[in-house]
PDB file of N, CA and C in Angstrom:
ATOM      1  N   MET A   1       0.850  -1.184   0.000  1.00  0.00           N
ATOM      2  CA  MET A   1       0.000   0.000   0.000  1.00  0.00           C
ATOM      3  C   MET A   1       0.890   1.240   0.000  1.00  0.00           C
ATOM      4  N   GLU A   2       0.661   2.113  -0.948  1.00  0.00           N
ATOM      5  CA  GLU A   2       1.435   3.351  -1.013  1.00  0.00           C
ATOM      6  C   GLU A   2       0.655   4.469  -0.355  1.00  0.00           C
ATOM      7  N   LEU A   3       1.313   5.163   0.548  1.00  0.00           N
ATOM      8  CA  LEU A   3       0.667   6.240   1.274  1.00  0.00           C
ATOM      9  C   LEU A   3       0.978   7.578   0.617  1.00  0.00           C
ATOM     10  N   ASP A   4       0.006   8.458   0.603  1.00  0.00           N
ATOM     11  CA  ASP A   4       0.198   9.800   0.087  1.00  0.00           C
ATOM     12  C   ASP A   4       0.551  10.725   1.239  1.00  0.00           C
ATOM     13  N   ASN A   5       1.096  11.869   0.890  1.00  0.00           N
ATOM     14  CA  ASN A   5       1.350  12.923   1.868  1.00  0.00           C
ATOM     15  C   ASN A   5       2.262  12.486   3.008  1.00  0.00           C
ATOM     16  N   ILE A   6       3.339  11.803   2.699  1.00  0.00           N
ATOM     17  CA  ILE A   6       4.287  11.368   3.722  1.00  0.00           C
ATOM     18  C   ILE A   6       5.240  12.517   4.042  1.00  0.00           C
ATOM     19  N   ILE A   7       5.386  12.790   5.322  1.00  0.00           N
ATOM     20  CA  ILE A   7       6.354  13.785   5.766  1.00  0.00           C
ATOM     21  C   ILE A   7       7.292  13.120   6.769  1.00  0.00           C
ATOM     22  N   THR A   8       8.491  13.640   6.853  1.00  0.00           N
ATOM     23  CA  THR A   8       9.482  13.119   7.798  1.00  0.00           C
ATOM     24  C   THR A   8       9.825  14.223   8.785  1.00  0.00           C
ATOM     25  N   LEU A   9       9.687  13.917  10.055  1.00  0.00           N
ATOM     26  CA  LEU A   9      10.032  14.849  11.121  1.00  0.00           C
ATOM     27  C   LEU A   9      11.149  14.231  11.949  1.00  0.00           C
ATOM     28  N   GLN A  10      11.894  15.084  12.640  1.00  0.00           N
ATOM     29  CA  GLN A  10      12.919  14.588  13.540  1.00  0.00           C
ATOM     30  C   GLN A  10      12.389  14.638  14.967  1.00  0.00           C
ATOM     31  N   ASP A  11      12.597  13.553  15.703  1.00  0.00           N
ATOM     32  CA  ASP A  11      12.175  13.529  17.099  1.00  0.00           C
ATOM     33  C   ASP A  11      13.220  14.226  17.963  1.00  0.00           C
ATOM     34  N   GLU A  12      13.015  14.200  19.265  1.00  0.00           N
ATOM     35  CA  GLU A  12      13.902  14.914  20.186  1.00  0.00           C
ATOM     36  C   GLU A  12      15.320  14.350  20.195  1.00  0.00           C
ATOM     37  N   ASN A  13      15.495  13.132  19.676  1.00  0.00           N
ATOM     38  CA  ASN A  13      16.827  12.515  19.605  1.00  0.00           C
ATOM     39  C   ASN A  13      17.486  12.704  18.238  1.00  0.00           C
ATOM     40  N   GLY A  14      16.827  13.463  17.353  1.00  0.00           N
ATOM     41  CA  GLY A  14      17.370  13.682  16.023  1.00  0.00           C
ATOM     42  C   GLY A  14      17.084  12.556  15.048  1.00  0.00           C
ATOM     43  N   GLU A  15      16.274  11.587  15.463  1.00  0.00           N
ATOM     44  CA  GLU A  15      15.918  10.453  14.603  1.00  0.00           C
ATOM     45  C   GLU A  15      14.773  10.852  13.672  1.00  0.00           C
ATOM     46  N   ASP A  16      14.834  10.389  12.430  1.00  0.00           N
ATOM     47  CA  ASP A  16      13.761  10.641  11.479  1.00  0.00           C
ATOM     48  C   ASP A  16      12.573   9.733  11.766  1.00  0.00           C
ATOM     49  N   VAL A  17      11.378  10.319  11.755  1.00  0.00           N
ATOM     50  CA  VAL A  17      10.139   9.574  11.956  1.00  0.00           C
ATOM     51  C   VAL A  17       9.196   9.967  10.824  1.00  0.00           C
ATOM     52  N   ARG A  18       8.655   8.963  10.140  1.00  0.00           N
ATOM     53  CA  ARG A  18       7.767   9.224   9.002  1.00  0.00           C
ATOM     54  C   ARG A  18       6.305   9.189   9.436  1.00  0.00           C
ATOM     55  N   PHE A  19       5.545  10.146   8.900  1.00  0.00           N
ATOM     56  CA  PHE A  19       4.125  10.257   9.194  1.00  0.00           C
ATOM     57  C   PHE A  19       3.359  10.468   7.901  1.00  0.00           C
ATOM     58  N   GLU A  20       2.105  10.026   7.911  1.00  0.00           N
ATOM     59  CA  GLU A  20       1.191  10.425   6.850  1.00  0.00           C
ATOM     60  C   GLU A  20       0.433  11.643   7.355  1.00  0.00           C
ATOM     61  N   PHE A  21       0.497  12.731   6.600  1.00  0.00           N
ATOM     62  CA  PHE A  21      -0.218  13.956   6.948  1.00  0.00           C
ATOM     63  C   PHE A  21      -1.691  13.730   6.642  1.00  0.00           C
ATOM     64  N   LEU A  22      -2.549  13.879   7.664  1.00  0.00           N
ATOM     65  CA  LEU A  22      -3.984  13.671   7.488  1.00  0.00           C
ATOM     66  C   LEU A  22      -4.766  14.969   7.379  1.00  0.00           C
ATOM     67  N   ASP A  23      -4.408  15.968   8.191  1.00  0.00           N
ATOM     68  CA  ASP A  23      -5.201  17.196   8.190  1.00  0.00           C
ATOM     69  C   ASP A  23      -4.463  18.316   8.910  1.00  0.00           C
ATOM     70  N   LEU A  24      -4.872  19.531   8.591  1.00  0.00           N
ATOM     71  CA  LEU A  24      -4.442  20.736   9.299  1.00  0.00           C
ATOM     72  C   LEU A  24      -5.699  21.336   9.905  1.00  0.00           C
ATOM     73  N   VAL A  25      -5.714  21.488  11.220  1.00  0.00           N
ATOM     74  CA  VAL A  25      -6.893  21.970  11.934  1.00  0.00           C
ATOM     75  C   VAL A  25      -6.568  23.300  12.598  1.00  0.00           C
ATOM     76  N   GLU A  26      -7.412  24.282  12.373  1.00  0.00           N
ATOM     77  CA  GLU A  26      -7.281  25.557  13.075  1.00  0.00           C
ATOM     78  C   GLU A  26      -8.181  25.510  14.303  1.00  0.00           C
ATOM     79  N   TYR A  27      -7.610  25.894  15.447  1.00  0.00           N
ATOM     80  CA  TYR A  27      -8.364  25.862  16.697  1.00  0.00           C
ATOM     81  C   TYR A  27      -7.795  26.915  17.639  1.00  0.00           C
ATOM     82  N   ALA A  28      -8.647  27.755  18.165  1.00  0.00           N
ATOM     83  CA  ALA A  28      -8.290  28.765  19.167  1.00  0.00           C
ATOM     84  C   ALA A  28      -7.096  29.622  18.717  1.00  0.00           C
ATOM     85  N   GLY A  29      -7.089  29.990  17.450  1.00  0.00           N
ATOM     86  CA  GLY A  29      -6.052  30.873  16.944  1.00  0.00           C
ATOM     87  C   GLY A  29      -4.728  30.208  16.612  1.00  0.00           C
ATOM     88  N   ASN A  30      -4.670  28.886  16.710  1.00  0.00           N
ATOM     89  CA  ASN A  30      -3.457  28.132  16.393  1.00  0.00           C
ATOM     90  C   ASN A  30      -3.758  27.097  15.320  1.00  0.00           C
ATOM     91  N   GLU A  31      -2.696  26.600  14.695  1.00  0.00           N
ATOM     92  CA  GLU A  31      -2.842  25.540  13.709  1.00  0.00           C
ATOM     93  C   GLU A  31      -2.200  24.267  14.250  1.00  0.00           C
ATOM     94  N   TYR A  32      -2.873  23.153  13.982  1.00  0.00           N
ATOM     95  CA  TYR A  32      -2.426  21.855  14.458  1.00  0.00           C
ATOM     96  C   TYR A  32      -2.436  20.869  13.298  1.00  0.00           C
ATOM     97  N   VAL A  33      -1.449  19.980  13.260  1.00  0.00           N
ATOM     98  CA  VAL A  33      -1.433  18.933  12.257  1.00  0.00           C
ATOM     99  C   VAL A  33      -1.866  17.624  12.899  1.00  0.00           C
ATOM    100  N   VAL A  34      -2.616  16.854  12.133  1.00  0.00           N
ATOM    101  CA  VAL A  34      -3.023  15.518  12.551  1.00  0.00           C
ATOM    102  C   VAL A  34      -2.240  14.548  11.678  1.00  0.00           C
ATOM    103  N   LEU A  35      -1.430  13.717  12.314  1.00  0.00           N
ATOM    104  CA  LEU A  35      -0.508  12.826  11.615  1.00  0.00           C
ATOM    105  C   LEU A  35      -0.734  11.383  12.031  1.00  0.00           C
ATOM    106  N   LEU A  36      -0.471  10.478  11.107  1.00  0.00           N
ATOM    107  CA  LEU A  36      -0.540   9.045  11.391  1.00  0.00           C
ATOM    108  C   LEU A  36       0.858   8.470  11.219  1.00  0.00           C
ATOM    109  N   PRO A  37       1.449   7.928  12.291  1.00  0.00           N
ATOM    110  CA  PRO A  37       2.789   7.343  12.163  1.00  0.00           C
ATOM    111  C   PRO A  37       2.788   6.203  11.141  1.00  0.00           C
ATOM    112  N   VAL A  38       3.746   6.212  10.244  1.00  0.00           N
ATOM    113  CA  VAL A  38       3.824   5.191   9.197  1.00  0.00           C
ATOM    114  C   VAL A  38       4.227   3.847   9.782  1.00  0.00           C
ATOM    115  N   GLU A  39       5.115   3.852  10.759  1.00  0.00           N
ATOM    116  CA  GLU A  39       5.679   2.610  11.296  1.00  0.00           C
ATOM    117  C   GLU A  39       4.765   1.900  12.295  1.00  0.00           C
ATOM    118  N   ASP A  40       3.808   2.603  12.891  1.00  0.00           N
ATOM    119  CA  ASP A  40       2.936   1.997  13.902  1.00  0.00           C
ATOM    120  C   ASP A  40       1.643   1.520  13.261  1.00  0.00           C
ATOM    121  N   ASP A  41       1.171   0.368  13.711  1.00  0.00           N
ATOM    122  CA  ASP A  41      -0.069  -0.183  13.179  1.00  0.00           C
ATOM    123  C   ASP A  41      -1.231  -0.026  14.145  1.00  0.00           C
ATOM    124  N   ASP A  42      -1.054   0.756  15.214  1.00  0.00           N
ATOM    125  CA  ASP A  42      -2.122   0.857  16.206  1.00  0.00           C
ATOM    126  C   ASP A  42      -3.221   1.831  15.800  1.00  0.00           C
ATOM    127  N   GLY A  43      -3.003   2.613  14.744  1.00  0.00           N
ATOM    128  CA  GLY A  43      -4.041   3.507  14.232  1.00  0.00           C
ATOM    129  C   GLY A  43      -4.231   4.778  15.029  1.00  0.00           C
ATOM    130  N   GLN A  44      -3.368   5.040  16.001  1.00  0.00           N
ATOM    131  CA  GLN A  44      -3.502   6.258  16.794  1.00  0.00           C
ATOM    132  C   GLN A  44      -2.800   7.412  16.088  1.00  0.00           C
ATOM    133  N   VAL A  45      -3.500   8.533  16.033  1.00  0.00           N
ATOM    134  CA  VAL A  45      -2.925   9.715  15.399  1.00  0.00           C
ATOM    135  C   VAL A  45      -2.090  10.501  16.393  1.00  0.00           C
ATOM    136  N   VAL A  46      -1.239  11.356  15.833  1.00  0.00           N
ATOM    137  CA  VAL A  46      -0.423  12.280  16.622  1.00  0.00           C
ATOM    138  C   VAL A  46      -0.876  13.681  16.255  1.00  0.00           C
ATOM    139  N   ILE A  47      -1.097  14.516  17.256  1.00  0.00           N
ATOM    140  CA  ILE A  47      -1.494  15.907  17.028  1.00  0.00           C
ATOM    141  C   ILE A  47      -0.378  16.807  17.541  1.00  0.00           C
ATOM    142  N   LEU A  48       0.124  17.658  16.646  1.00  0.00           N
ATOM    143  CA  LEU A  48       1.186  18.581  16.996  1.00  0.00           C
ATOM    144  C   LEU A  48       0.779  19.992  16.617  1.00  0.00           C
ATOM    145  N   GLN A  49       1.225  20.954  17.405  1.00  0.00           N
ATOM    146  CA  GLN A  49       0.944  22.360  17.113  1.00  0.00           C
ATOM    147  C   GLN A  49       2.023  22.905  16.194  1.00  0.00           C
ATOM    148  N   LEU A  50       1.595  23.621  15.161  1.00  0.00           N
ATOM    149  CA  LEU A  50       2.523  24.293  14.266  1.00  0.00           C
ATOM    150  C   LEU A  50       3.023  25.543  14.977  1.00  0.00           C
ATOM    151  N   GLU A  51       4.328  25.642  15.112  1.00  0.00           N
ATOM    152  CA  GLU A  51       4.946  26.749  15.834  1.00  0.00           C
ATOM    153  C   GLU A  51       5.632  27.670  14.835  1.00  0.00           C
ATOM    154  N   GLU A  52       5.483  28.947  15.012  1.00  0.00           N
ATOM    155  CA  GLU A  52       6.110  29.909  14.109  1.00  0.00           C
ATOM    156  C   GLU A  52       7.623  29.806  14.209  1.00  0.00           C
ATOM    157  N   SER A  53       8.273  30.043  13.071  1.00  0.00           N
ATOM    158  CA  SER A  53       9.719  29.956  12.999  1.00  0.00           C
ATOM    159  C   SER A  53      10.262  31.204  12.325  1.00  0.00           C
ATOM    160  N   ASP A  54      11.480  31.561  12.665  1.00  0.00           N
ATOM    161  CA  ASP A  54      12.144  32.699  12.011  1.00  0.00           C
ATOM    162  C   ASP A  54      12.549  32.345  10.582  1.00  0.00           C
ATOM    163  N   ASP A  55      12.685  31.065  10.296  1.00  0.00           N
ATOM    164  CA  ASP A  55      13.089  30.589   8.979  1.00  0.00           C
ATOM    165  C   ASP A  55      11.845  30.165   8.209  1.00  0.00           C
ATOM    166  N   ASP A  56      11.544  30.856   7.103  1.00  0.00           N
ATOM    167  CA  ASP A  56      10.341  30.559   6.323  1.00  0.00           C
ATOM    168  C   ASP A  56      10.360  29.173   5.688  1.00  0.00           C
ATOM    169  N   GLU A  57      11.539  28.570   5.575  1.00  0.00           N
ATOM    170  CA  GLU A  57      11.643  27.266   4.941  1.00  0.00           C
ATOM    171  C   GLU A  57      11.564  26.112   5.934  1.00  0.00           C
ATOM    172  N   VAL A  58      11.516  26.423   7.222  1.00  0.00           N
ATOM    173  CA  VAL A  58      11.477  25.394   8.252  1.00  0.00           C
ATOM    174  C   VAL A  58      10.192  25.540   9.063  1.00  0.00           C
ATOM    175  N   GLU A  59       9.499  24.418   9.229  1.00  0.00           N
ATOM    176  CA  GLU A  59       8.318  24.419  10.094  1.00  0.00           C
ATOM    177  C   GLU A  59       8.675  23.680  11.377  1.00  0.00           C
ATOM    178  N   ASN A  60       8.253  24.232  12.501  1.00  0.00           N
ATOM    179  CA  ASN A  60       8.472  23.589  13.793  1.00  0.00           C
ATOM    180  C   ASN A  60       7.142  23.104  14.342  1.00  0.00           C
ATOM    181  N   TYR A  61       7.180  21.918  14.926  1.00  0.00           N
ATOM    182  CA  TYR A  61       5.988  21.339  15.535  1.00  0.00           C
ATOM    183  C   TYR A  61       6.293  21.028  16.990  1.00  0.00           C
ATOM    184  N   VAL A  62       5.333  21.281  17.848  1.00  0.00           N
ATOM    185  CA  VAL A  62       5.511  20.976  19.266  1.00  0.00           C
ATOM    186  C   VAL A  62       4.342  20.124  19.739  1.00  0.00           C
ATOM    187  N   GLY A  63       4.626  19.293  20.733  1.00  0.00           N
ATOM    188  CA  GLY A  63       3.586  18.455  21.310  1.00  0.00           C
ATOM    189  C   GLY A  63       2.565  19.296  22.053  1.00  0.00           C
ATOM    190  N   VAL A  64       1.366  18.747  22.185  1.00  0.00           N
ATOM    191  CA  VAL A  64       0.274  19.429  22.882  1.00  0.00           C
ATOM    192  C   VAL A  64       0.037  18.681  24.187  1.00  0.00           C
ATOM    193  N   ASP A  65       0.178  19.389  25.312  1.00  0.00           N
ATOM    194  CA  ASP A  65       0.031  18.762  26.625  1.00  0.00           C
ATOM    195  C   ASP A  65      -1.381  18.863  27.188  1.00  0.00           C
ATOM    196  N   ASP A  66      -2.173  19.772  26.665  1.00  0.00           N
ATOM    197  CA  ASP A  66      -3.501  20.033  27.213  1.00  0.00           C
ATOM    198  C   ASP A  66      -4.520  19.053  26.634  1.00  0.00           C
ATOM    199  N   ASP A  67      -5.071  18.187  27.488  1.00  0.00           N
ATOM    200  CA  ASP A  67      -6.040  17.184  27.042  1.00  0.00           C
ATOM    201  C   ASP A  67      -7.288  17.806  26.430  1.00  0.00           C
ATOM    202  N   GLU A  68      -7.737  18.924  26.971  1.00  0.00           N
ATOM    203  CA  GLU A  68      -8.931  19.587  26.450  1.00  0.00           C
ATOM    204  C   GLU A  68      -8.700  20.032  24.998  1.00  0.00           C
ATOM    205  N   THR A  69      -7.539  20.591  24.740  1.00  0.00           N
ATOM    206  CA  THR A  69      -7.191  21.023  23.381  1.00  0.00           C
ATOM    207  C   THR A  69      -7.088  19.820  22.452  1.00  0.00           C
ATOM    208  N   LEU A  70      -6.392  18.774  22.893  1.00  0.00           N
ATOM    209  CA  LEU A  70      -6.263  17.558  22.075  1.00  0.00           C
ATOM    210  C   LEU A  70      -7.630  16.974  21.737  1.00  0.00           C
ATOM    211  N   ASN A  71      -8.497  16.884  22.727  1.00  0.00           N
ATOM    212  CA  ASN A  71      -9.835  16.322  22.498  1.00  0.00           C
ATOM    213  C   ASN A  71     -10.644  17.178  21.533  1.00  0.00           C
ATOM    214  N   ALA A  72     -10.535  18.497  21.647  1.00  0.00           N
ATOM    215  CA  ALA A  72     -11.267  19.399  20.761  1.00  0.00           C
ATOM    216  C   ALA A  72     -10.779  19.260  19.320  1.00  0.00           C
ATOM    217  N   ILE A  73      -9.473  19.195  19.133  1.00  0.00           N
ATOM    218  CA  ILE A  73      -8.915  19.055  17.789  1.00  0.00           C
ATOM    219  C   ILE A  73      -9.301  17.704  17.197  1.00  0.00           C
ATOM    220  N   PHE A  74      -9.222  16.657  17.994  1.00  0.00           N
ATOM    221  CA  PHE A  74      -9.590  15.330  17.495  1.00  0.00           C
ATOM    222  C   PHE A  74     -11.078  15.269  17.149  1.00  0.00           C
ATOM    223  N   ALA A  75     -11.914  15.941  17.919  1.00  0.00           N
ATOM    224  CA  ALA A  75     -13.347  15.971  17.621  1.00  0.00           C
ATOM    225  C   ALA A  75     -13.605  16.674  16.284  1.00  0.00           C
ATOM    226  N   ILE A  76     -12.890  17.755  16.017  1.00  0.00           N
ATOM    227  CA  ILE A  76     -13.020  18.453  14.733  1.00  0.00           C
ATOM    228  C   ILE A  76     -12.580  17.532  13.604  1.00  0.00           C
ATOM    229  N   PHE A  77     -11.451  16.861  13.798  1.00  0.00           N
ATOM    230  CA  PHE A  77     -10.940  15.931  12.793  1.00  0.00           C
ATOM    231  C   PHE A  77     -11.935  14.798  12.533  1.00  0.00           C
ATOM    232  N   LYS A  78     -12.470  14.200  13.600  1.00  0.00           N
ATOM    233  CA  LYS A  78     -13.427  13.106  13.455  1.00  0.00           C
ATOM    234  C   LYS A  78     -14.670  13.544  12.691  1.00  0.00           C
ATOM    235  N   GLU A  79     -15.170  14.721  12.988  1.00  0.00           N
ATOM    236  CA  GLU A  79     -16.365  15.218  12.310  1.00  0.00           C
ATOM    237  C   GLU A  79     -16.085  15.442  10.823  1.00  0.00           C
ATOM    238  N   LYS A  80     -14.938  16.005  10.524  1.00  0.00           N
ATOM    239  CA  LYS A  80     -14.581  16.303   9.132  1.00  0.00           C
ATOM    240  C   LYS A  80     -14.401  15.031   8.307  1.00  0.00           C
ATOM    241  N   PHE A  81     -13.883  13.969   8.931  1.00  0.00           N
ATOM    242  CA  PHE A  81     -13.559  12.735   8.206  1.00  0.00           C
ATOM    243  C   PHE A  81     -14.422  11.548   8.619  1.00  0.00           C
ATOM    244  N   LYS A  82     -15.603  11.812   9.153  1.00  0.00           N
ATOM    245  CA  LYS A  82     -16.451  10.726   9.649  1.00  0.00           C
ATOM    246  C   LYS A  82     -16.847   9.728   8.569  1.00  0.00           C
ATOM    247  N   ASP A  83     -16.883  10.171   7.316  1.00  0.00           N
ATOM    248  CA  ASP A  83     -17.252   9.276   6.231  1.00  0.00           C
ATOM    249  C   ASP A  83     -16.053   8.574   5.598  1.00  0.00           C
ATOM    250  N   GLU A  84     -14.841   8.981   5.962  1.00  0.00           N
ATOM    251  CA  GLU A  84     -13.641   8.412   5.344  1.00  0.00           C
ATOM    252  C   GLU A  84     -12.895   7.434   6.250  1.00  0.00           C
ATOM    253  N   PHE A  85     -13.028   7.591   7.571  1.00  0.00           N
ATOM    254  CA  PHE A  85     -12.317   6.749   8.516  1.00  0.00           C
ATOM    255  C   PHE A  85     -13.294   6.085   9.465  1.00  0.00           C
ATOM    256  N   LYS A  86     -12.910   4.918   9.953  1.00  0.00           N
ATOM    257  CA  LYS A  86     -13.696   4.253  10.991  1.00  0.00           C
ATOM    258  C   LYS A  86     -13.024   4.561  12.323  1.00  0.00           C
ATOM    259  N   PHE A  87     -13.715   5.310  13.166  1.00  0.00           N
ATOM    260  CA  PHE A  87     -13.177   5.693  14.474  1.00  0.00           C
ATOM    261  C   PHE A  87     -13.702   4.772  15.547  1.00  0.00           C
ATOM    262  N   GLU A  88     -12.808   4.356  16.451  1.00  0.00           N
ATOM    263  CA  GLU A  88     -13.214   3.549  17.589  1.00  0.00           C
ATOM    264  C   GLU A  88     -13.286   4.419  18.826  1.00  0.00           C
ATOM    265  N   ASP A  89     -14.284   4.184  19.642  1.00  0.00           N
ATOM    266  CA  ASP A  89     -14.425   4.964  20.878  1.00  0.00           C
ATOM    267  C   ASP A  89     -13.606   4.376  21.990  1.00  0.00           C
TER     268      ASP A  89
END
């Protein structure tokens, strides 16, 4: 199976990690990416906040620690893609 929209990010150890880009969600004045790890088969998405950078060619992403924010972004994502993905509760 060939995946579209593959991006590679570096983790905190400088290791490359591949993700499938699923969506960009705007919430509370910020932008968040919804990503699916390519190497994991558990189907859990990763949500990262897009952080502004001084370099226009580099995008920075940071983890989201606030459960309320994560749940709100995931709810928006689920609603937008309810006909394309099977979500488990």
